[in-house]
Amino acid sequence: MNMARKKYLIVTAGGSGTRMGADLPKQFLDLDGRAILQRTIERFLEACDDLHILTVLPAEHIAWWRNYCQMKGFNCPQRIVKGGFTRFHSVKNALAYVPDGTVVAIHDGVRPLVSAALVRDLFDGMETERALIPVLPSVDTLKVLEKAPDGTLRSTDTLLDRSCIYGAQTPQLFRSEDIKAAYTLGYDTRFTDDASVARQYGIPLSYKAGERSNIKITTPEDLVLAEAILQISGNRSCS
């Protein structure tokens, strides 16, 4: 791959975040003085100063985000893209603004603790790979269960080898022409991340060790954990 390929970032922040039980979607909640989404984008700006950023937002909160960026002086050049019905449709909307011949990273807007070092390593790895996915080995014993009509859980005969089970993280990186072609597929509920879309289309995937601290904030407990990680790392807001 030609290293002259420009770098694009799609930040997916189009969800409503109802599990947080807050008035605002989770991507806009405060994390030590800054919105989670701001902290997420800042990690990428720390890693790369030549990024083209597309921020996918719920249509009803685009004005809120623009106002927030103005008030906070967060003058990040970004194209705002209206989110779709699902994450799949949101990413597809954003890919329409990504030209061929580039590298595109797709990242959850509520993963604000990804390190700049991992971001740089992933972009560097795209010199030779067509797709690069950060993963972590499972530390839990996993059970395949079935739910009975009354809601109780029952055992099945399926056994999983934990040594073969990994959890996928973001950012997930692709050659733009590959992932754009993959997103011409029809929507499938099995498409739980961009790698699953790419794999279904036949794009070869490569993997890199992710980070335990690169958590996805989806519950109030996750927000508390993120605050603690920031405190321990010393990467807190000065405001």
C-alpha atoms as a PDB file:
ATOM      1  CA  MET A   1       0.000   0.000   0.000  1.00  0.00           C
ATOM      2  CA  ASN A   2       1.207   3.474  -0.823  1.00  0.00           C
ATOM      3  CA  MET A   3       1.981   5.323   2.419  1.00  0.00           C
ATOM      4  CA  ALA A   4       0.715   8.514   0.776  1.00  0.00           C
ATOM      5  CA  ARG A   5      -2.826   7.357   1.511  1.00  0.00           C
ATOM      6  CA  LYS A   6      -4.684   9.971   3.496  1.00  0.00           C
ATOM      7  CA  LYS A   7      -6.138   9.037   6.883  1.00  0.00           C
ATOM      8  CA  TYR A   8      -9.848   9.257   7.620  1.00  0.00           C
ATOM      9  CA  LEU A   9     -11.615   8.722  10.927  1.00  0.00           C
ATOM     10  CA  ILE A  10     -15.291   7.895  11.304  1.00  0.00           C
ATOM     11  CA  VAL A  11     -16.452   8.415  14.881  1.00  0.00           C
ATOM     12  CA  THR A  12     -19.753   6.636  15.443  1.00  0.00           C
ATOM     13  CA  ALA A  13     -21.802   8.618  17.966  1.00  0.00           C
ATOM     14  CA  GLY A  14     -25.265   8.256  16.516  1.00  0.00           C
ATOM     15  CA  GLY A  15     -26.860   6.307  19.355  1.00  0.00           C
ATOM     16  CA  SER A  16     -29.318   7.416  22.016  1.00  0.00           C
ATOM     17  CA  GLY A  17     -27.514   5.735  24.929  1.00  0.00           C
ATOM     18  CA  THR A  18     -30.687   4.874  26.836  1.00  0.00           C
ATOM     19  CA  ARG A  19     -28.914   2.458  29.193  1.00  0.00           C
ATOM     20  CA  MET A  20     -27.195   5.388  30.888  1.00  0.00           C
ATOM     21  CA  GLY A  21     -30.513   6.721  32.158  1.00  0.00           C
ATOM     22  CA  ALA A  22     -29.434  10.316  31.390  1.00  0.00           C
ATOM     23  CA  ASP A  23     -31.143  13.153  29.543  1.00  0.00           C
ATOM     24  CA  LEU A  24     -28.312  13.371  27.011  1.00  0.00           C
ATOM     25  CA  PRO A  25     -26.984  10.489  24.905  1.00  0.00           C
ATOM     26  CA  LYS A  26     -23.946   8.889  26.535  1.00  0.00           C
ATOM     27  CA  GLN A  27     -21.447  10.315  24.036  1.00  0.00           C
ATOM     28  CA  PHE A  28     -22.214  13.824  25.334  1.00  0.00           C
ATOM     29  CA  LEU A  29     -21.974  13.072  29.051  1.00  0.00           C
ATOM     30  CA  ASP A  30     -19.224  14.703  31.072  1.00  0.00           C
ATOM     31  CA  LEU A  31     -16.031  12.772  31.704  1.00  0.00           C
ATOM     32  CA  ASP A  32     -13.830  14.839  34.003  1.00  0.00           C
ATOM     33  CA  GLY A  33     -14.733  18.194  32.493  1.00  0.00           C
ATOM     34  CA  ARG A  34     -15.161  17.244  28.844  1.00  0.00           C
ATOM     35  CA  ALA A  35     -17.783  15.406  26.850  1.00  0.00           C
ATOM     36  CA  ILE A  36     -16.908  11.760  26.241  1.00  0.00           C
ATOM     37  CA  LEU A  37     -17.019  12.404  22.491  1.00  0.00           C
ATOM     38  CA  GLN A  38     -14.548  15.281  22.765  1.00  0.00           C
ATOM     39  CA  ARG A  39     -12.111  13.113  24.698  1.00  0.00           C
ATOM     40  CA  THR A  40     -12.463  10.372  22.090  1.00  0.00           C
ATOM     41  CA  ILE A  41     -11.630  12.680  19.191  1.00  0.00           C
ATOM     42  CA  GLU A  42      -8.765  14.263  21.130  1.00  0.00           C
ATOM     43  CA  ARG A  43      -7.054  10.880  21.463  1.00  0.00           C
ATOM     44  CA  PHE A  44      -6.929  10.580  17.684  1.00  0.00           C
ATOM     45  CA  LEU A  45      -5.747  14.155  17.211  1.00  0.00           C
ATOM     46  CA  GLU A  46      -2.949  13.397  19.668  1.00  0.00           C
ATOM     47  CA  ALA A  47      -1.944  10.405  17.550  1.00  0.00           C
ATOM     48  CA  CYS A  48      -2.256  11.962  14.077  1.00  0.00           C
ATOM     49  CA  ASP A  49      -2.228  15.595  13.004  1.00  0.00           C
ATOM     50  CA  ASP A  50      -3.362  14.865   9.452  1.00  0.00           C
ATOM     51  CA  LEU A  51      -6.730  13.206  10.074  1.00  0.00           C
ATOM     52  CA  HIS A  52      -9.926  13.899   8.170  1.00  0.00           C
ATOM     53  CA  ILE A  53     -12.686  13.455  10.754  1.00  0.00           C
ATOM     54  CA  LEU A  54     -16.315  12.508  10.171  1.00  0.00           C
ATOM     55  CA  THR A  55     -18.480  12.610  13.295  1.00  0.00           C
ATOM     56  CA  VAL A  56     -21.748  10.686  13.068  1.00  0.00           C
ATOM     57  CA  LEU A  57     -24.450  12.121  15.338  1.00  0.00           C
ATOM     58  CA  PRO A  58     -28.180  11.756  16.001  1.00  0.00           C
ATOM     59  CA  ALA A  59     -29.965  14.346  13.852  1.00  0.00           C
ATOM     60  CA  GLU A  60     -31.679  15.860  16.886  1.00  0.00           C
ATOM     61  CA  HIS A  61     -28.370  16.514  18.661  1.00  0.00           C
ATOM     62  CA  ILE A  62     -26.254  17.963  15.839  1.00  0.00           C
ATOM     63  CA  ALA A  63     -27.042  21.514  16.923  1.00  0.00           C
ATOM     64  CA  TRP A  64     -26.197  20.617  20.537  1.00  0.00           C
ATOM     65  CA  TRP A  65     -22.766  19.331  19.521  1.00  0.00           C
ATOM     66  CA  ARG A  66     -21.994  22.346  17.349  1.00  0.00           C
ATOM     67  CA  ASN A  67     -22.915  24.633  20.230  1.00  0.00           C
ATOM     68  CA  TYR A  68     -20.852  22.578  22.671  1.00  0.00           C
ATOM     69  CA  CYS A  69     -17.745  22.745  20.430  1.00  0.00           C
ATOM     70  CA  GLN A  70     -18.141  26.516  20.153  1.00  0.00           C
ATOM     71  CA  MET A  71     -18.551  27.015  23.892  1.00  0.00           C
ATOM     72  CA  LYS A  72     -15.597  24.759  24.725  1.00  0.00           C
ATOM     73  CA  GLY A  73     -13.362  26.198  22.022  1.00  0.00           C
ATOM     74  CA  PHE A  74     -13.038  22.721  20.541  1.00  0.00           C
ATOM     75  CA  ASN A  75     -12.169  23.879  17.045  1.00  0.00           C
ATOM     76  CA  CYS A  76     -11.652  20.474  15.521  1.00  0.00           C
ATOM     77  CA  PRO A  77     -12.171  20.392  11.741  1.00  0.00           C
ATOM     78  CA  GLN A  78     -14.870  17.781  11.274  1.00  0.00           C
ATOM     79  CA  ARG A  79     -17.697  16.900   8.936  1.00  0.00           C
ATOM     80  CA  ILE A  80     -20.924  16.173  10.796  1.00  0.00           C
ATOM     81  CA  VAL A  81     -22.879  13.235   9.383  1.00  0.00           C
ATOM     82  CA  LYS A  82     -26.450  12.350  10.327  1.00  0.00           C
ATOM     83  CA  GLY A  83     -26.740   8.920  11.914  1.00  0.00           C
ATOM     84  CA  GLY A  84     -28.883   6.123  10.544  1.00  0.00           C
ATOM     85  CA  PHE A  85     -31.376   3.637  11.941  1.00  0.00           C
ATOM     86  CA  THR A  86     -28.580   1.321  13.153  1.00  0.00           C
ATOM     87  CA  ARG A  87     -24.822   1.587  13.564  1.00  0.00           C
ATOM     88  CA  PHE A  88     -24.491  -0.168  10.187  1.00  0.00           C
ATOM     89  CA  HIS A  89     -26.515   2.550   8.489  1.00  0.00           C
ATOM     90  CA  SER A  90     -24.626   5.300  10.334  1.00  0.00           C
ATOM     91  CA  VAL A  91     -21.265   3.999   9.119  1.00  0.00           C
ATOM     92  CA  LYS A  92     -22.638   3.625   5.604  1.00  0.00           C
ATOM     93  CA  ASN A  93     -23.768   7.263   5.674  1.00  0.00           C
ATOM     94  CA  ALA A  94     -20.282   8.397   6.696  1.00  0.00           C
ATOM     95  CA  LEU A  95     -18.472   6.217   4.142  1.00  0.00           C
ATOM     96  CA  ALA A  96     -20.204   8.197   1.405  1.00  0.00           C
ATOM     97  CA  TYR A  97     -17.821  11.055   2.274  1.00  0.00           C
ATOM     98  CA  VAL A  98     -14.650   8.924   2.295  1.00  0.00           C
ATOM     99  CA  PRO A  99     -12.765   8.827  -1.011  1.00  0.00           C
ATOM    100  CA  ASP A 100     -11.139   5.710  -2.440  1.00  0.00           C
ATOM    101  CA  GLY A 101      -7.407   5.330  -2.009  1.00  0.00           C
ATOM    102  CA  THR A 102      -7.427   6.253   1.684  1.00  0.00           C
ATOM    103  CA  VAL A 103      -7.224   4.430   5.015  1.00  0.00           C
ATOM    104  CA  VAL A 104     -10.303   4.746   7.211  1.00  0.00           C
ATOM    105  CA  ALA A 105     -10.467   4.066  10.942  1.00  0.00           C
ATOM    106  CA  ILE A 106     -13.942   3.456  12.384  1.00  0.00           C
ATOM    107  CA  HIS A 107     -14.212   4.048  16.121  1.00  0.00           C
ATOM    108  CA  ASP A 108     -16.906   4.044  18.778  1.00  0.00           C
ATOM    109  CA  GLY A 109     -17.465   7.565  20.050  1.00  0.00           C
ATOM    110  CA  VAL A 110     -17.800   6.196  23.583  1.00  0.00           C
ATOM    111  CA  ARG A 111     -14.327   4.644  23.694  1.00  0.00           C
ATOM    112  CA  PRO A 112     -12.463   7.753  24.920  1.00  0.00           C
ATOM    113  CA  LEU A 113      -9.514   5.959  26.525  1.00  0.00           C
ATOM    114  CA  VAL A 114      -7.894   4.404  23.463  1.00  0.00           C
ATOM    115  CA  SER A 115      -4.224   5.345  23.549  1.00  0.00           C
ATOM    116  CA  ALA A 116      -2.562   7.489  20.927  1.00  0.00           C
ATOM    117  CA  ALA A 117       0.134   4.810  20.723  1.00  0.00           C
ATOM    118  CA  LEU A 118      -2.368   2.146  19.673  1.00  0.00           C
ATOM    119  CA  VAL A 119      -3.902   4.478  17.094  1.00  0.00           C
ATOM    120  CA  ARG A 120      -0.468   5.183  15.592  1.00  0.00           C
ATOM    121  CA  ASP A 121       0.447   1.483  15.576  1.00  0.00           C
ATOM    122  CA  LEU A 122      -2.767   0.571  13.789  1.00  0.00           C
ATOM    123  CA  PHE A 123      -2.299   3.204  11.087  1.00  0.00           C
ATOM    124  CA  ASP A 124       1.339   2.098  10.671  1.00  0.00           C
ATOM    125  CA  GLY A 125       0.192  -1.500  10.323  1.00  0.00           C
ATOM    126  CA  MET A 126      -2.037  -0.552   7.415  1.00  0.00           C
ATOM    127  CA  GLU A 127       1.085  -0.153   5.297  1.00  0.00           C
ATOM    128  CA  THR A 128       0.887  -3.890   4.634  1.00  0.00           C
ATOM    129  CA  GLU A 129      -2.599  -4.982   5.753  1.00  0.00           C
ATOM    130  CA  ARG A 130      -6.014  -4.602   4.155  1.00  0.00           C
ATOM    131  CA  ALA A 131      -7.851  -4.562   7.479  1.00  0.00           C
ATOM    132  CA  LEU A 132      -6.584  -4.385  11.046  1.00  0.00           C
ATOM    133  CA  ILE A 133      -8.701  -5.136  14.127  1.00  0.00           C
ATOM    134  CA  PRO A 134      -7.613  -4.705  17.784  1.00  0.00           C
ATOM    135  CA  VAL A 135      -8.648  -7.663  19.954  1.00  0.00           C
ATOM    136  CA  LEU A 136      -8.258  -8.922  23.515  1.00  0.00           C
ATOM    137  CA  PRO A 137      -8.237 -12.550  24.715  1.00  0.00           C
ATOM    138  CA  SER A 138     -11.163 -13.524  26.898  1.00  0.00           C
ATOM    139  CA  VAL A 139     -10.391 -13.724  30.620  1.00  0.00           C
ATOM    140  CA  ASP A 140     -13.804 -15.145  31.532  1.00  0.00           C
ATOM    141  CA  THR A 141     -15.180 -18.659  31.217  1.00  0.00           C
ATOM    142  CA  LEU A 142     -17.912 -18.315  28.604  1.00  0.00           C
ATOM    143  CA  LYS A 143     -21.191 -20.232  28.613  1.00  0.00           C
ATOM    144  CA  VAL A 144     -23.559 -20.782  25.691  1.00  0.00           C
ATOM    145  CA  LEU A 145     -27.041 -20.714  27.246  1.00  0.00           C
ATOM    146  CA  GLU A 146     -30.592 -20.653  25.963  1.00  0.00           C
ATOM    147  CA  LYS A 147     -33.477 -18.655  27.385  1.00  0.00           C
ATOM    148  CA  ALA A 148     -36.614 -20.533  28.365  1.00  0.00           C
ATOM    149  CA  PRO A 149     -40.098 -19.048  27.723  1.00  0.00           C
ATOM    150  CA  ASP A 150     -40.291 -17.995  31.370  1.00  0.00           C
ATOM    151  CA  GLY A 151     -37.019 -16.075  31.044  1.00  0.00           C
ATOM    152  CA  THR A 152     -34.807 -18.508  32.946  1.00  0.00           C
ATOM    153  CA  LEU A 153     -31.468 -19.554  31.468  1.00  0.00           C
ATOM    154  CA  ARG A 154     -30.661 -23.164  30.652  1.00  0.00           C
ATOM    155  CA  SER A 155     -27.469 -24.985  29.777  1.00  0.00           C
ATOM    156  CA  THR A 156     -26.717 -26.197  26.265  1.00  0.00           C
ATOM    157  CA  ASP A 157     -24.307 -28.832  24.993  1.00  0.00           C
ATOM    158  CA  THR A 158     -22.120 -26.232  23.295  1.00  0.00           C
ATOM    159  CA  LEU A 159     -18.671 -25.871  24.851  1.00  0.00           C
ATOM    160  CA  LEU A 160     -16.303 -23.014  24.048  1.00  0.00           C
ATOM    161  CA  ASP A 161     -12.520 -23.124  24.158  1.00  0.00           C
ATOM    162  CA  ARG A 162     -11.651 -19.875  25.938  1.00  0.00           C
ATOM    163  CA  SER A 163      -8.170 -19.853  24.397  1.00  0.00           C
ATOM    164  CA  CYS A 164      -9.806 -19.253  21.001  1.00  0.00           C
ATOM    165  CA  ILE A 165     -12.192 -16.494  22.141  1.00  0.00           C
ATOM    166  CA  TYR A 166     -11.257 -12.849  21.659  1.00  0.00           C
ATOM    167  CA  GLY A 167     -13.192  -9.636  22.083  1.00  0.00           C
ATOM    168  CA  ALA A 168     -13.017  -7.086  19.276  1.00  0.00           C
ATOM    169  CA  GLN A 169     -12.415  -3.409  19.973  1.00  0.00           C
ATOM    170  CA  THR A 170     -12.248  -0.269  17.880  1.00  0.00           C
ATOM    171  CA  PRO A 171     -10.761   1.528  16.035  1.00  0.00           C
ATOM    172  CA  GLN A 172     -11.017  -0.931  13.173  1.00  0.00           C
ATOM    173  CA  LEU A 173      -9.017   0.100  10.116  1.00  0.00           C
ATOM    174  CA  PHE A 174      -9.618  -0.672   6.454  1.00  0.00           C
ATOM    175  CA  ARG A 175      -8.629   0.388   2.995  1.00  0.00           C
ATOM    176  CA  SER A 176     -11.457   2.697   2.061  1.00  0.00           C
ATOM    177  CA  GLU A 177     -12.322   1.015  -1.232  1.00  0.00           C
ATOM    178  CA  ASP A 178     -12.608  -2.336   0.568  1.00  0.00           C
ATOM    179  CA  ILE A 179     -14.911  -1.258   3.387  1.00  0.00           C
ATOM    180  CA  LYS A 180     -17.046   0.894   1.074  1.00  0.00           C
ATOM    181  CA  ALA A 181     -17.585  -2.146  -1.146  1.00  0.00           C
ATOM    182  CA  ALA A 182     -18.417  -4.283   1.905  1.00  0.00           C
ATOM    183  CA  TYR A 183     -21.068  -1.800   2.987  1.00  0.00           C
ATOM    184  CA  THR A 184     -22.964  -2.340  -0.259  1.00  0.00           C
ATOM    185  CA  LEU A 185     -24.169  -5.570   1.349  1.00  0.00           C
ATOM    186  CA  GLY A 186     -27.686  -5.585   2.705  1.00  0.00           C
ATOM    187  CA  TYR A 187     -28.086  -5.067   6.438  1.00  0.00           C
ATOM    188  CA  ASP A 188     -27.841  -8.193   8.600  1.00  0.00           C
ATOM    189  CA  THR A 189     -28.381  -8.374  12.360  1.00  0.00           C
ATOM    190  CA  ARG A 190     -25.161 -10.413  12.565  1.00  0.00           C
ATOM    191  CA  PHE A 191     -23.197  -7.301  11.564  1.00  0.00           C
ATOM    192  CA  THR A 192     -22.200  -6.273  15.091  1.00  0.00           C
ATOM    193  CA  ASP A 193     -19.067  -4.398  14.032  1.00  0.00           C
ATOM    194  CA  ASP A 194     -17.304  -3.308  10.859  1.00  0.00           C
ATOM    195  CA  ALA A 195     -15.062  -6.369  10.847  1.00  0.00           C
ATOM    196  CA  SER A 196     -18.115  -8.640  10.593  1.00  0.00           C
ATOM    197  CA  VAL A 197     -19.281  -6.693   7.533  1.00  0.00           C
ATOM    198  CA  ALA A 198     -15.820  -6.875   5.964  1.00  0.00           C
ATOM    199  CA  ARG A 199     -15.492 -10.599   6.658  1.00  0.00           C
ATOM    200  CA  GLN A 200     -18.877 -11.324   5.090  1.00  0.00           C
ATOM    201  CA  TYR A 201     -17.726  -9.509   1.959  1.00  0.00           C
ATOM    202  CA  GLY A 202     -14.509 -11.546   1.859  1.00  0.00           C
ATOM    203  CA  ILE A 203     -11.953  -8.952   2.966  1.00  0.00           C
ATOM    204  CA  PRO A 204      -9.020 -10.633   4.751  1.00  0.00           C
ATOM    205  CA  LEU A 205      -8.727  -9.458   8.350  1.00  0.00           C
ATOM    206  CA  SER A 206      -5.574  -9.083  10.427  1.00  0.00           C
ATOM    207  CA  TYR A 207      -5.467  -8.586  14.169  1.00  0.00           C
ATOM    208  CA  LYS A 208      -3.443  -6.668  16.737  1.00  0.00           C
ATOM    209  CA  ALA A 209      -3.448  -6.751  20.535  1.00  0.00           C
ATOM    210  CA  GLY A 210      -5.878  -4.217  21.951  1.00  0.00           C
ATOM    211  CA  GLU A 211      -5.891  -2.489  25.332  1.00  0.00           C
ATOM    212  CA  ARG A 212      -7.751  -3.380  28.545  1.00  0.00           C
ATOM    213  CA  SER A 213      -8.259   0.316  29.247  1.00  0.00           C
ATOM    214  CA  ASN A 214      -9.953   0.873  25.863  1.00  0.00           C
ATOM    215  CA  ILE A 215     -13.383   0.344  27.397  1.00  0.00           C
ATOM    216  CA  LYS A 216     -16.726   1.159  25.807  1.00  0.00           C
ATOM    217  CA  ILE A 217     -18.841   3.376  28.057  1.00  0.00           C
ATOM    218  CA  THR A 218     -22.392   2.049  28.005  1.00  0.00           C
ATOM    219  CA  THR A 219     -23.505   2.051  31.667  1.00  0.00           C
ATOM    220  CA  PRO A 220     -23.097   4.379  34.681  1.00  0.00           C
ATOM    221  CA  GLU A 221     -20.598   1.885  36.104  1.00  0.00           C
ATOM    222  CA  ASP A 222     -18.469   2.223  32.965  1.00  0.00           C
ATOM    223  CA  LEU A 223     -18.379   5.990  33.455  1.00  0.00           C
ATOM    224  CA  VAL A 224     -17.109   5.563  37.016  1.00  0.00           C
ATOM    225  CA  LEU A 225     -14.450   3.151  35.763  1.00  0.00           C
ATOM    226  CA  ALA A 226     -13.380   5.590  33.051  1.00  0.00           C
ATOM    227  CA  GLU A 227     -12.985   8.345  35.652  1.00  0.00           C
ATOM    228  CA  ALA A 228     -10.789   6.032  37.706  1.00  0.00           C
ATOM    229  CA  ILE A 229      -8.633   5.109  34.715  1.00  0.00           C
ATOM    230  CA  LEU A 230      -8.129   8.791  33.895  1.00  0.00           C
ATOM    231  CA  GLN A 231      -7.140   9.495  37.489  1.00  0.00           C
ATOM    232  CA  ILE A 232      -4.661   6.633  37.590  1.00  0.00           C
ATOM    233  CA  SER A 233      -3.161   7.553  34.206  1.00  0.00           C
ATOM    234  CA  GLY A 234      -2.833  11.200  35.178  1.00  0.00           C
ATOM    235  CA  ASN A 235      -4.519  12.216  31.905  1.00  0.00           C
ATOM    236  CA  ARG A 236      -7.187  14.378  33.537  1.00  0.00           C
ATOM    237  CA  SER A 237      -8.639  17.692  32.450  1.00  0.00           C
ATOM    238  CA  CYS A 238      -7.015  20.887  33.654  1.00  0.00           C
ATOM    239  CA  SER A 239     -10.362  22.700  33.536  1.00  0.00           C
END
